[in-house]
Amino acid sequence: MKFSLVSGNGGTLIAAYYANTAEEAVAAANALETLGMRPNVVKSNKKYMIYVGLGDMKKNKQLREAAMRFLMEKMRSGTPREREIVRRIRKKPPFFQ
């Protein structure tokens, strides 16, 4: 999965996976649902994007740790805009407890 910072509404983080066909997207979404997450599937150009939000990432230890590493890397070497988004995410109440 690929992490992306989203700047709208104070900033958030999403983990996304891209699939070529609708069947692959549904299979990936079902796999994430078995892990207790609520995946969203949207058509993005010719591919399908399956993504989970920050709240669902907190439920899975491996995903949570990878997200923390991503955020630390963005604080260290990201653009000023990325650093600002990470600061906003860190200020949100239950930040990865």
Protein backbone atom coordinates (compact mmCIF):
# COMPACT_ATOMS: atom_id res chain seq x y z
CA MET A 1 0.00 0.00 0.00
CA LYS A 2 1.11 3.52 -0.72
CA PHE A 3 0.70 6.31 1.83
CA SER A 4 -0.54 9.76 0.80
CA LEU A 5 -1.03 12.97 2.73
CA VAL A 6 -4.36 14.69 2.08
CA SER A 7 -4.56 18.38 2.92
CA GLY A 8 -8.32 18.92 3.07
CA ASN A 9 -10.07 19.53 6.39
CA GLY A 10 -6.97 19.90 8.54
CA GLY A 11 -5.06 17.08 6.90
CA THR A 12 -5.16 13.33 7.05
CA LEU A 13 -3.26 10.28 5.88
CA ILE A 14 -4.57 7.51 3.63
CA ALA A 15 -3.11 4.17 2.62
CA ALA A 16 -4.03 3.31 -0.96
CA TYR A 17 -3.69 0.32 -3.25
CA TYR A 18 -4.29 0.49 -6.98
CA ALA A 19 -5.92 -2.39 -8.90
CA ASN A 20 -6.30 -2.80 -12.65
CA THR A 21 -9.72 -4.47 -12.66
CA ALA A 22 -12.89 -4.22 -10.63
CA GLU A 23 -12.50 -7.86 -9.56
CA GLU A 24 -9.03 -7.17 -8.13
CA ALA A 25 -10.39 -4.12 -6.32
CA VAL A 26 -13.24 -6.09 -4.76
CA ALA A 27 -10.86 -8.88 -3.70
CA ALA A 28 -8.48 -6.36 -2.08
CA ALA A 29 -11.38 -4.61 -0.33
CA ASN A 30 -12.67 -7.94 0.99
CA ALA A 31 -9.20 -8.80 2.31
CA LEU A 32 -9.05 -5.47 4.15
CA GLU A 33 -12.54 -6.03 5.58
CA THR A 34 -11.42 -9.35 7.06
CA LEU A 35 -8.75 -7.36 8.94
CA GLY A 36 -11.46 -5.19 10.48
CA MET A 37 -10.97 -2.15 8.26
CA ARG A 38 -13.49 -0.19 6.21
CA PRO A 39 -11.96 0.17 2.75
CA ASN A 40 -13.26 2.59 0.16
CA VAL A 41 -13.10 1.80 -3.56
CA VAL A 42 -13.11 4.54 -6.19
CA LYS A 43 -12.37 4.56 -9.89
CA SER A 44 -9.24 6.60 -10.58
CA ASN A 45 -8.61 7.08 -14.30
CA LYS A 46 -8.28 3.55 -15.72
CA LYS A 47 -7.54 1.91 -12.38
CA TYR A 48 -9.39 1.40 -9.11
CA MET A 49 -8.09 2.87 -5.88
CA ILE A 50 -8.78 1.00 -2.65
CA TYR A 51 -7.96 3.13 0.36
CA VAL A 52 -8.33 3.21 4.12
CA GLY A 53 -8.26 6.30 6.29
CA LEU A 54 -6.22 7.16 9.33
CA GLY A 55 -8.80 5.78 11.76
CA ASP A 56 -8.63 2.31 10.22
CA MET A 57 -4.84 2.34 10.12
CA LYS A 58 -4.80 2.61 13.89
CA LYS A 59 -6.47 -0.83 14.14
CA ASN A 60 -3.65 -2.74 12.40
CA LYS A 61 -0.24 -2.77 14.11
CA GLN A 62 1.86 -3.24 10.95
CA LEU A 63 0.00 -0.54 9.05
CA ARG A 64 0.17 1.80 12.05
CA GLU A 65 3.95 1.36 12.36
CA ALA A 66 4.46 1.90 8.62
CA ALA A 67 2.33 5.05 8.80
CA MET A 68 4.41 6.35 11.71
CA ARG A 69 7.61 5.77 9.71
CA PHE A 70 6.07 7.58 6.72
CA LEU A 71 5.03 10.56 8.85
CA MET A 72 8.46 10.79 10.51
CA GLU A 73 10.13 10.73 7.10
CA LYS A 74 7.84 13.52 5.87
CA MET A 75 8.65 15.61 8.96
CA ARG A 76 12.35 15.09 8.34
CA SER A 77 12.60 15.53 4.58
CA GLY A 78 9.21 16.63 3.28
CA THR A 79 8.26 19.91 1.70
CA PRO A 80 7.07 22.74 3.97
CA ARG A 81 3.46 21.95 2.98
CA GLU A 82 3.89 18.26 3.86
CA ARG A 83 5.42 19.16 7.22
CA GLU A 84 2.46 21.42 7.98
CA ILE A 85 -0.01 18.61 7.16
CA VAL A 86 1.92 16.20 9.41
CA ARG A 87 1.85 18.76 12.25
CA ARG A 88 -1.93 19.03 11.88
CA ILE A 89 -2.32 15.24 11.93
CA ARG A 90 -0.20 14.98 15.08
CA LYS A 91 -2.40 17.57 16.85
CA LYS A 92 -5.57 15.51 16.35
CA PRO A 93 -6.69 13.98 19.66
CA PRO A 94 -5.97 10.25 19.55
CA PHE A 95 -2.80 10.30 17.45
CA PHE A 96 -1.68 6.65 17.23
CA GLN A 97 -2.05 5.73 20.90
